PDB file of N, CA and C in Angstrom:
ATOM      1  N   THR A   1      89.290 123.525 114.089  1.00  0.00           N
ATOM      2  CA  THR A   1      88.087 122.863 114.270  1.00  0.00           C
ATOM      3  C   THR A   1      87.550 122.602 113.350  1.00  0.00           C
ATOM      4  N   HIS A   2      86.625 122.121 113.014  1.00  0.00           N
ATOM      5  CA  HIS A   2      86.185 121.568 111.991  1.00  0.00           C
ATOM      6  C   HIS A   2      84.839 120.774 112.075  1.00  0.00           C
ATOM      7  N   LEU A   3      83.978 121.087 111.159  1.00  0.00           N
ATOM      8  CA  LEU A   3      82.653 120.581 110.875  1.00  0.00           C
ATOM      9  C   LEU A   3      82.188 119.081 110.787  1.00  0.00           C
ATOM     10  N   LYS A   4      83.547 118.510 110.195  1.00  0.00           N
ATOM     11  CA  LYS A   4      83.915 117.042 110.092  1.00  0.00           C
ATOM     12  C   LYS A   4      84.741 116.682 111.614  1.00  0.00           C
ATOM     13  N   GLY A   5      85.008 117.266 112.424  1.00  0.00           N
ATOM     14  CA  GLY A   5      85.694 116.715 113.458  1.00  0.00           C
ATOM     15  C   GLY A   5      84.903 115.946 114.346  1.00  0.00           C
ATOM     16  N   ALA A   6      85.328 115.165 114.876  1.00  0.00           N
ATOM     17  CA  ALA A   6      84.913 113.810 115.547  1.00  0.00           C
ATOM     18  C   ALA A   6      85.312 114.375 116.925  1.00  0.00           C
ATOM     19  N   VAL A   7      86.209 114.894 117.691  1.00  0.00           N
ATOM     20  CA  VAL A   7      86.378 115.216 118.929  1.00  0.00           C
ATOM     21  C   VAL A   7      86.116 116.185 119.452  1.00  0.00           C
ATOM     22  N   ASP A   8      85.318 116.287 120.594  1.00  0.00           N
ATOM     23  CA  ASP A   8      84.871 117.482 121.467  1.00  0.00           C
ATOM     24  C   ASP A   8      85.888 117.943 121.800  1.00  0.00           C
ATOM     25  N   TYR A   9      85.930 119.135 121.617  1.00  0.00           N
ATOM     26  CA  TYR A   9      87.135 120.032 122.238  1.00  0.00           C
ATOM     27  C   TYR A   9      87.326 120.134 123.743  1.00  0.00           C
ATOM     28  N   ARG A  10      86.392 119.959 124.607  1.00  0.00           N
ATOM     29  CA  ARG A  10      86.454 119.263 125.533  1.00  0.00           C
ATOM     30  C   ARG A  10      87.082 118.611 126.287  1.00  0.00           C
ATOM     31  N   SER A  11      87.318 117.403 125.396  1.00  0.00           N
ATOM     32  CA  SER A  11      87.500 115.873 125.605  1.00  0.00           C
ATOM     33  C   SER A  11      89.383 116.272 125.613  1.00  0.00           C
ATOM     34  N   VAL A  12      89.861 117.143 125.195  1.00  0.00           N
ATOM     35  CA  VAL A  12      91.441 117.172 124.469  1.00  0.00           C
ATOM     36  C   VAL A  12      92.144 117.731 125.992  1.00  0.00           C
ATOM     37  N   ASP A  13      93.538 117.363 126.378  1.00  0.00           N
ATOM     38  CA  ASP A  13      94.384 118.149 127.503  1.00  0.00           C
ATOM     39  C   ASP A  13      95.280 118.636 126.528  1.00  0.00           C
ATOM     40  N   PHE A  14      95.222 119.707 126.519  1.00  0.00           N
ATOM     41  CA  PHE A  14      95.861 120.933 125.579  1.00  0.00           C
ATOM     42  C   PHE A  14      97.415 121.022 126.229  1.00  0.00           C
ATOM     43  N   SER A  15      97.493 120.946 127.200  1.00  0.00           N
ATOM     44  CA  SER A  15      98.874 120.873 128.334  1.00  0.00           C
ATOM     45  C   SER A  15     100.025 119.465 127.948  1.00  0.00           C
ATOM     46  N   GLU A  16      99.800 118.753 126.657  1.00  0.00           N
ATOM     47  CA  GLU A  16     100.242 117.917 126.529  1.00  0.00           C
ATOM     48  C   GLU A  16     101.597 118.136 125.920  1.00  0.00           C
ATOM     49  N   SER A  17     101.262 119.087 125.122  1.00  0.00           N
ATOM     50  CA  SER A  17     102.572 119.456 123.993  1.00  0.00           C
ATOM     51  C   SER A  17     101.763 120.618 123.029  1.00  0.00           C
ATOM     52  N   PRO A  18     103.015 121.234 122.596  1.00  0.00           N
ATOM     53  CA  PRO A  18     102.579 122.754 122.287  1.00  0.00           C
ATOM     54  C   PRO A  18     101.526 122.535 120.492  1.00  0.00           C
ATOM     55  N   VAL A  19     100.820 123.637 120.556  1.00  0.00           N
ATOM     56  CA  VAL A  19      99.405 123.874 119.847  1.00  0.00           C
ATOM     57  C   VAL A  19      99.658 124.619 119.078  1.00  0.00           C
ATOM     58  N   LEU A  20      99.394 124.433 117.790  1.00  0.00           N
ATOM     59  CA  LEU A  20      98.918 125.019 116.588  1.00  0.00           C
ATOM     60  C   LEU A  20      97.570 124.877 116.306  1.00  0.00           C
ATOM     61  N   LEU A  21      96.856 126.239 116.513  1.00  0.00           N
ATOM     62  CA  LEU A  21      95.365 126.320 116.181  1.00  0.00           C
ATOM     63  C   LEU A  21      95.231 126.868 114.678  1.00  0.00           C
ATOM     64  N   MET A  22      94.398 125.861 113.751  1.00  0.00           N
ATOM     65  CA  MET A  22      93.993 126.549 112.689  1.00  0.00           C
ATOM     66  C   MET A  22      92.643 126.567 112.771  1.00  0.00           C
ATOM     67  N   MET A  23      92.089 127.807 112.353  1.00  0.00           N
ATOM     68  CA  MET A  23      90.728 128.205 111.849  1.00  0.00           C
ATOM     69  C   MET A  23      90.564 128.964 110.367  1.00  0.00           C
ATOM     70  N   GLY A  24      89.484 128.037 109.727  1.00  0.00           N
ATOM     71  CA  GLY A  24      89.019 128.310 108.437  1.00  0.00           C
ATOM     72  C   GLY A  24      88.405 129.590 108.703  1.00  0.00           C
ATOM     73  N   ASN A  25      88.268 130.390 107.485  1.00  0.00           N
ATOM     74  CA  ASN A  25      87.204 131.107 107.493  1.00  0.00           C
ATOM     75  C   ASN A  25      85.393 131.388 107.092  1.00  0.00           C
ATOM     76  N   GLU A  26      84.824 132.028 107.847  1.00  0.00           N
ATOM     77  CA  GLU A  26      83.396 131.796 108.313  1.00  0.00           C
ATOM     78  C   GLU A  26      82.495 131.265 106.590  1.00  0.00           C
ATOM     79  N   GLN A  27      82.725 131.708 105.928  1.00  0.00           N
ATOM     80  CA  GLN A  27      82.250 130.851 104.467  1.00  0.00           C
ATOM     81  C   GLN A  27      82.701 129.899 104.065  1.00  0.00           C
ATOM     82  N   GLN A  28      83.894 129.464 103.956  1.00  0.00           N
ATOM     83  CA  GLN A  28      84.019 128.159 103.370  1.00  0.00           C
ATOM     84  C   GLN A  28      85.101 127.010 104.335  1.00  0.00           C
ATOM     85  N   GLY A  29      85.253 127.762 105.841  1.00  0.00           N
ATOM     86  CA  GLY A  29      86.043 126.668 106.608  1.00  0.00           C
ATOM     87  C   GLY A  29      87.198 126.776 106.518  1.00  0.00           C
ATOM     88  N   LEU A  30      87.923 125.904 107.003  1.00  0.00           N
ATOM     89  CA  LEU A  30      89.297 125.265 106.773  1.00  0.00           C
ATOM     90  C   LEU A  30      89.493 124.694 105.572  1.00  0.00           C
ATOM     91  N   PRO A  31      90.732 124.918 104.819  1.00  0.00           N
ATOM     92  CA  PRO A  31      90.786 124.394 103.502  1.00  0.00           C
ATOM     93  C   PRO A  31      91.075 122.699 103.627  1.00  0.00           C
ATOM     94  N   GLU A  32      90.414 122.110 102.966  1.00  0.00           N
ATOM     95  CA  GLU A  32      90.554 120.480 103.126  1.00  0.00           C
ATOM     96  C   GLU A  32      92.365 119.903 102.833  1.00  0.00           C
ATOM     97  N   SER A  33      93.143 120.481 102.043  1.00  0.00           N
ATOM     98  CA  SER A  33      94.403 120.769 102.319  1.00  0.00           C
ATOM     99  C   SER A  33      95.338 120.964 103.728  1.00  0.00           C
ATOM    100  N   LEU A  34      94.401 122.050 104.611  1.00  0.00           N
ATOM    101  CA  LEU A  34      95.240 122.074 105.823  1.00  0.00           C
ATOM    102  C   LEU A  34      94.494 120.960 106.726  1.00  0.00           C
ATOM    103  N   ALA A  35      93.362 120.730 106.565  1.00  0.00           N
ATOM    104  CA  ALA A  35      92.522 119.993 107.485  1.00  0.00           C
ATOM    105  C   ALA A  35      93.446 118.412 107.588  1.00  0.00           C
ATOM    106  N   GLU A  36      93.775 117.782 106.120  1.00  0.00           N
ATOM    107  CA  GLU A  36      94.306 117.092 106.159  1.00  0.00           C
ATOM    108  C   GLU A  36      95.716 116.565 107.195  1.00  0.00           C
ATOM    109  N   SER A  37      96.431 117.703 107.098  1.00  0.00           N
ATOM    110  CA  SER A  37      97.575 118.322 107.335  1.00  0.00           C
ATOM    111  C   SER A  37      97.574 117.968 109.169  1.00  0.00           C
ATOM    112  N   CYS A  38      96.321 117.870 109.946  1.00  0.00           N
ATOM    113  CA  CYS A  38      96.100 118.429 111.539  1.00  0.00           C
ATOM    114  C   CYS A  38      96.091 116.545 112.040  1.00  0.00           C
ATOM    115  N   ASP A  39      97.108 116.960 113.253  1.00  0.00           N
ATOM    116  CA  ASP A  39      96.607 115.930 114.360  1.00  0.00           C
ATOM    117  C   ASP A  39      95.612 115.417 114.129  1.00  0.00           C
ATOM    118  N   ARG A  40      94.300 116.454 114.748  1.00  0.00           N
ATOM    119  CA  ARG A  40      93.281 116.169 115.004  1.00  0.00           C
ATOM    120  C   ARG A  40      92.494 117.297 114.837  1.00  0.00           C
ATOM    121  N   LEU A  41      91.006 116.783 114.290  1.00  0.00           N
ATOM    122  CA  LEU A  41      89.914 117.643 113.798  1.00  0.00           C
ATOM    123  C   LEU A  41      89.259 117.596 115.480  1.00  0.00           C
ATOM    124  N   LEU A  42      89.256 118.986 115.437  1.00  0.00           N
ATOM    125  CA  LEU A  42      88.006 119.332 116.967  1.00  0.00           C
ATOM    126  C   LEU A  42      86.821 119.984 116.274  1.00  0.00           C
ATOM    127  N   ARG A  43      85.937 119.362 117.288  1.00  0.00           N
ATOM    128  CA  ARG A  43      84.173 120.304 117.053  1.00  0.00           C
ATOM    129  C   ARG A  43      83.830 120.703 118.441  1.00  0.00           C
ATOM    130  N   ILE A  44      83.179 121.978 118.276  1.00  0.00           N
ATOM    131  CA  ILE A  44      82.576 122.446 119.565  1.00  0.00           C
ATOM    132  C   ILE A  44      81.262 122.193 118.879  1.00  0.00           C
ATOM    133  N   PRO A  45      80.529 121.155 120.096  1.00  0.00           N
ATOM    134  CA  PRO A  45      78.912 120.888 120.195  1.00  0.00           C
ATOM    135  C   PRO A  45      77.742 121.896 120.412  1.00  0.00           C
ATOM    136  N   GLN A  46      76.935 122.029 119.003  1.00  0.00           N
ATOM    137  CA  GLN A  46      75.925 122.944 119.044  1.00  0.00           C
ATOM    138  C   GLN A  46      74.547 122.368 119.397  1.00  0.00           C
ATOM    139  N   ALA A  47      73.651 122.959 120.357  1.00  0.00           N
ATOM    140  CA  ALA A  47      72.460 122.610 120.640  1.00  0.00           C
ATOM    141  C   ALA A  47      71.748 123.092 119.267  1.00  0.00           C
ATOM    142  N   GLY A  48      71.044 122.146 118.860  1.00  0.00           N
ATOM    143  CA  GLY A  48      69.538 123.000 118.134  1.00  0.00           C
ATOM    144  C   GLY A  48      70.248 122.771 116.486  1.00  0.00           C
ATOM    145  N   ARG A  49      69.828 123.219 115.658  1.00  0.00           N
ATOM    146  CA  ARG A  49      70.024 123.425 114.276  1.00  0.00           C
ATOM    147  C   ARG A  49      71.574 123.683 113.648  1.00  0.00           C
ATOM    148  N   ALA A  50      71.889 124.822 114.786  1.00  0.00           N
ATOM    149  CA  ALA A  50      73.451 125.437 114.228  1.00  0.00           C
ATOM    150  C   ALA A  50      74.080 124.405 114.049  1.00  0.00           C
ATOM    151  N   ASP A  51      75.090 124.766 113.078  1.00  0.00           N
ATOM    152  CA  ASP A  51      76.365 123.967 113.134  1.00  0.00           C
ATOM    153  C   ASP A  51      77.651 124.682 112.920  1.00  0.00           C
ATOM    154  N   SER A  52      77.709 125.193 113.054  1.00  0.00           N
ATOM    155  CA  SER A  52      78.971 126.224 113.256  1.00  0.00           C
ATOM    156  C   SER A  52      78.909 127.948 113.953  1.00  0.00           C
ATOM    157  N   LEU A  53      79.758 128.098 114.309  1.00  0.00           N
ATOM    158  CA  LEU A  53      79.701 129.520 115.231  1.00  0.00           C
ATOM    159  C   LEU A  53      80.576 130.552 114.440  1.00  0.00           C
ATOM    160  N   ASN A  54      80.228 131.570 114.754  1.00  0.00           N
ATOM    161  CA  ASN A  54      80.687 132.734 113.856  1.00  0.00           C
ATOM    162  C   ASN A  54      82.247 132.556 114.406  1.00  0.00           C
ATOM    163  N   LEU A  55      82.849 133.068 113.822  1.00  0.00           N
ATOM    164  CA  LEU A  55      85.056 132.534 113.334  1.00  0.00           C
ATOM    165  C   LEU A  55      85.105 133.013 114.768  1.00  0.00           C
ATOM    166  N   ALA A  56      85.295 134.718 115.378  1.00  0.00           N
ATOM    167  CA  ALA A  56      85.634 135.328 116.217  1.00  0.00           C
ATOM    168  C   ALA A  56      85.183 134.373 117.490  1.00  0.00           C
ATOM    169  N   VAL A  57      83.988 134.153 117.590  1.00  0.00           N
ATOM    170  CA  VAL A  57      83.641 133.414 118.726  1.00  0.00           C
ATOM    171  C   VAL A  57      84.292 132.055 119.079  1.00  0.00           C
ATOM    172  N   ALA A  58      84.169 131.055 118.057  1.00  0.00           N
ATOM    173  CA  ALA A  58      84.905 129.911 118.027  1.00  0.00           C
ATOM    174  C   ALA A  58      86.352 130.169 118.416  1.00  0.00           C
ATOM    175  N   THR A  59      87.165 130.802 117.361  1.00  0.00           N
ATOM    176  CA  THR A  59      88.437 131.414 117.856  1.00  0.00           C
ATOM    177  C   THR A  59      88.605 131.385 119.413  1.00  0.00           C
ATOM    178  N   GLY A  60      87.878 132.878 119.974  1.00  0.00           N
ATOM    179  CA  GLY A  60      87.726 132.664 121.522  1.00  0.00           C
ATOM    180  C   GLY A  60      87.648 131.820 122.227  1.00  0.00           C
ATOM    181  N   ILE A  61      86.748 130.821 122.115  1.00  0.00           N
ATOM    182  CA  ILE A  61      86.310 129.352 122.952  1.00  0.00           C
ATOM    183  C   ILE A  61      87.414 128.448 122.903  1.00  0.00           C
ATOM    184  N   MET A  62      88.315 128.577 121.660  1.00  0.00           N
ATOM    185  CA  MET A  62      89.049 127.663 121.574  1.00  0.00           C
ATOM    186  C   MET A  62      90.570 127.864 122.103  1.00  0.00           C
ATOM    187  N   LEU A  63      90.536 129.370 122.275  1.00  0.00           N
ATOM    188  CA  LEU A  63      92.052 130.028 122.751  1.00  0.00           C
ATOM    189  C   LEU A  63      91.911 129.972 124.211  1.00  0.00           C
ATOM    190  N   PHE A  64      90.698 130.293 124.890  1.00  0.00           N
ATOM    191  CA  PHE A  64      90.110 130.008 126.241  1.00  0.00           C
ATOM    192  C   PHE A  64      90.870 128.595 126.859  1.00  0.00           C
ATOM    193  N   GLU A  65      90.073 127.498 126.143  1.00  0.00           N
ATOM    194  CA  GLU A  65      90.329 126.625 126.506  1.00  0.00           C
ATOM    195  C   GLU A  65      91.804 125.887 126.477  1.00  0.00           C
ATOM    196  N   ILE A  66      92.329 126.409 125.406  1.00  0.00           N
ATOM    197  CA  ILE A  66      93.891 125.878 125.181  1.00  0.00           C
ATOM    198  C   ILE A  66      94.670 126.411 126.208  1.00  0.00           C
ATOM    199  N   ARG A  67      94.139 127.753 126.964  1.00  0.00           N
ATOM    200  CA  ARG A  67      94.980 128.142 128.198  1.00  0.00           C
ATOM    201  C   ARG A  67      94.671 127.820 129.153  1.00  0.00           C
ATOM    202  N   ARG A  68      93.300 127.572 129.282  1.00  0.00           N
ATOM    203  CA  ARG A  68      92.565 127.432 130.745  1.00  0.00           C
ATOM    204  C   ARG A  68      93.431 126.858 131.844  1.00  0.00           C
ATOM    205  N   GLY A  69      94.454 125.330 131.543  1.00  0.00           N
ATOM    206  CA  GLY A  69      95.206 124.842 132.283  1.00  0.00           C
ATOM    207  C   GLY A  69      95.907 126.123 132.995  1.00  0.00           C
ATOM    208  N   ALA A  70      96.585 127.245 132.527  1.00  0.00           N
ATOM    209  CA  ALA A  70      97.540 128.165 132.959  1.00  0.00           C
ATOM    210  C   ALA A  70      96.804 129.418 133.429  1.00  0.00           C
ATOM    211  N   LEU A  71      95.463 128.928 133.738  1.00  0.00           N
ATOM    212  CA  LEU A  71      94.951 130.185 134.707  1.00  0.00           C
ATOM    213  C   LEU A  71      94.194 130.009 136.166  1.00  0.00           C
ATOM    214  N   LYS A  72      95.540 130.050 136.881  1.00  0.00           N
ATOM    215  CA  LYS A  72      95.233 129.703 138.468  1.00  0.00           C
ATOM    216  C   LYS A  72      94.112 130.316 138.998  1.00  0.00           C
ATOM    217  N   LEU A  73      93.936 129.898 140.130  1.00  0.00           N
ATOM    218  CA  LEU A  73      92.897 130.874 140.919  1.00  0.00           C
ATOM    219  C   LEU A  73      93.601 131.440 142.348  1.00  0.00           C
ATOM    220  N   ALA A  74      93.225 132.782 142.049  1.00  0.00           N
ATOM    221  CA  ALA A  74      93.918 133.106 143.626  1.00  0.00           C
ATOM    222  C   ALA A  74      93.104 132.813 144.189  1.00  0.00           C
ATOM    223  N   PRO A  75      93.910 132.356 145.748  1.00  0.00           N
ATOM    224  CA  PRO A  75      93.090 132.074 146.618  1.00  0.00           C
ATOM    225  C   PRO A  75      91.832 132.349 147.352  1.00  0.00           C
ATOM    226  N   GLU A  76      91.898 133.907 147.571  1.00  0.00           N
ATOM    227  CA  GLU A  76      90.693 134.574 147.631  1.00  0.00           C
ATOM    228  C   GLU A  76      89.251 133.955 146.605  1.00  0.00           C
ATOM    229  N   ASP A  77      89.903 133.439 145.493  1.00  0.00           N
ATOM    230  CA  ASP A  77      88.984 133.166 144.857  1.00  0.00           C
ATOM    231  C   ASP A  77      88.159 131.590 144.926  1.00  0.00           C
ATOM    232  N   ALA A  78      89.049 130.788 145.269  1.00  0.00           N
ATOM    233  CA  ALA A  78      89.244 129.241 145.581  1.00  0.00           C
ATOM    234  C   ALA A  78      88.122 129.311 146.416  1.00  0.00           C
ATOM    235  N   ARG A  79      87.054 128.362 146.123  1.00  0.00           N
ATOM    236  CA  ARG A  79      85.971 127.829 146.645  1.00  0.00           C
ATOM    237  C   ARG A  79      86.623 126.641 147.703  1.00  0.00           C
ATOM    238  N   PRO A  80      85.683 126.556 148.972  1.00  0.00           N
ATOM    239  CA  PRO A  80      86.383 125.299 149.820  1.00  0.00           C
ATOM    240  C   PRO A  80      85.547 124.147 149.359  1.00  0.00           C
TER     241      PRO A  80
END
């Protein structure tokens, strides 16, 4: 994820290929040298004036989204 990310993380199909998630620190973000090596820079949309999230929260959101396709509902949890 990157403040300059133009792609909403929810629009990416993470099941197409292996994923390497790089997250920068809270103060300076992902170094430009690493950002330039990325295939895609993603953003987590924010409401209001906030432009970023706490690193642990942002990482949790991204890890969940990347793995979401592997999480299957148990038959009793599926809604008709």
